[in-house]
Amino acid sequence: MNCQLCDRPVEKLTVHHLVPRQHTKRRRQDPGPTVDICAACHKQIHTLFDNRYLAQELNSLDRLRSHPRMEKFLAWVRKQNPGKKVRSFRGR
């Protein structure tokens, strides 16, 4: 299985809601689309961005992938061993 963000082959993927559940659950709305991503990418997304910004600005796979801060992380993480745990970082 490959991560839909970094495209690395990993054993286990996590489900990322493109519109955070915090914004749909309270309003009893459909949780919307999800993507299957590795734990490193998932952790990095939530390290860099708050749920409001994710819901309003980064609510698609293409938008997430093309954000400058994620582009930098993705370029780095693609070089990492998929079986090894990776740390998230805030970067600049």
Protein backbone atom coordinates (compact mmCIF):
# COMPACT_ATOMS: atom_id res chain seq x y z
CA MET A 1 0.00 0.00 0.00
CA ASN A 2 1.31 3.42 -0.89
CA CYS A 3 0.66 6.68 0.92
CA GLN A 4 -1.49 8.96 -1.21
CA LEU A 5 0.65 11.97 -0.24
CA CYS A 6 4.28 10.86 -0.28
CA ASP A 7 3.74 7.71 -2.39
CA ARG A 8 6.00 5.63 -0.13
CA PRO A 9 5.11 1.95 0.27
CA VAL A 10 4.14 1.39 3.92
CA GLU A 11 2.60 -1.48 5.86
CA LYS A 12 -0.14 0.55 7.52
CA LEU A 13 -2.06 3.61 6.36
CA THR A 14 -4.17 6.02 8.39
CA VAL A 15 -7.38 7.72 7.28
CA HIS A 16 -7.18 11.50 7.00
CA HIS A 17 -10.42 13.48 6.70
CA LEU A 18 -9.85 16.28 4.20
CA VAL A 19 -12.34 18.38 6.16
CA PRO A 20 -11.54 17.73 9.83
CA ARG A 21 -14.30 15.91 11.71
CA GLN A 22 -14.35 18.77 14.22
CA HIS A 23 -16.03 20.87 11.52
CA THR A 24 -18.56 18.27 10.41
CA LYS A 25 -19.41 16.23 13.51
CA ARG A 26 -20.90 19.09 15.54
CA ARG A 27 -23.03 20.16 12.61
CA ARG A 28 -24.06 16.56 11.94
CA GLN A 29 -22.78 16.83 8.38
CA ASP A 30 -21.33 14.17 6.16
CA PRO A 31 -17.64 13.80 7.15
CA GLY A 32 -16.69 14.14 3.48
CA PRO A 33 -13.86 12.56 1.56
CA THR A 34 -10.86 10.88 3.14
CA VAL A 35 -7.41 9.88 1.93
CA ASP A 36 -5.18 7.01 3.04
CA ILE A 37 -1.83 8.34 4.17
CA CYS A 38 1.14 7.13 6.21
CA ALA A 39 1.53 8.06 9.86
CA ALA A 40 4.46 10.39 9.09
CA CYS A 41 2.44 12.49 6.63
CA HIS A 42 -0.60 12.49 8.92
CA LYS A 43 1.41 13.66 11.90
CA GLN A 44 3.14 16.34 9.81
CA ILE A 45 -0.17 17.74 8.55
CA HIS A 46 -1.49 18.18 12.07
CA THR A 47 1.84 19.58 13.30
CA LEU A 48 1.87 22.30 10.65
CA PHE A 49 -1.79 23.27 10.33
CA ASP A 50 -4.76 23.79 12.62
CA ASN A 51 -8.15 22.28 11.81
CA ARG A 52 -9.69 25.56 10.71
CA TYR A 53 -6.96 26.12 8.11
CA LEU A 54 -7.23 22.52 6.94
CA ALA A 55 -11.00 22.82 6.52
CA GLN A 56 -10.88 26.15 4.69
CA GLU A 57 -7.67 26.01 2.65
CA LEU A 58 -6.27 22.48 2.46
CA ASN A 59 -9.40 20.42 1.91
CA SER A 60 -8.16 18.42 -1.08
CA LEU A 61 -5.24 16.13 -1.74
CA ASP A 62 -3.87 18.48 -4.43
CA ARG A 63 -4.02 21.51 -2.13
CA LEU A 64 -2.26 19.61 0.65
CA ARG A 65 0.40 18.31 -1.70
CA SER A 66 1.09 21.71 -3.23
CA HIS A 67 1.35 23.76 -0.02
CA PRO A 68 4.98 25.00 0.23
CA ARG A 69 5.49 23.64 3.76
CA MET A 70 4.15 20.21 2.77
CA GLU A 71 6.16 20.21 -0.47
CA LYS A 72 9.32 20.65 1.57
CA PHE A 73 8.36 17.83 3.94
CA LEU A 74 7.30 15.50 1.12
CA ALA A 75 10.60 16.03 -0.72
CA TRP A 76 12.41 15.03 2.48
CA VAL A 77 10.19 12.14 3.60
CA ARG A 78 10.30 10.43 0.18
CA LYS A 79 14.01 9.80 0.82
CA GLN A 80 13.36 8.16 4.21
CA ASN A 81 13.07 4.44 4.84
CA PRO A 82 9.31 3.62 4.89
CA GLY A 83 9.82 1.07 7.68
CA LYS A 84 11.46 3.56 10.01
CA LYS A 85 9.59 5.96 12.30
CA VAL A 86 9.99 9.59 11.18
CA ARG A 87 9.71 12.70 13.30
CA SER A 88 7.50 15.61 12.35
CA PHE A 89 8.94 19.10 12.29
CA ARG A 90 7.57 22.60 12.04
CA GLY A 91 10.11 23.90 9.53
CA ARG A 92 9.84 27.44 8.19
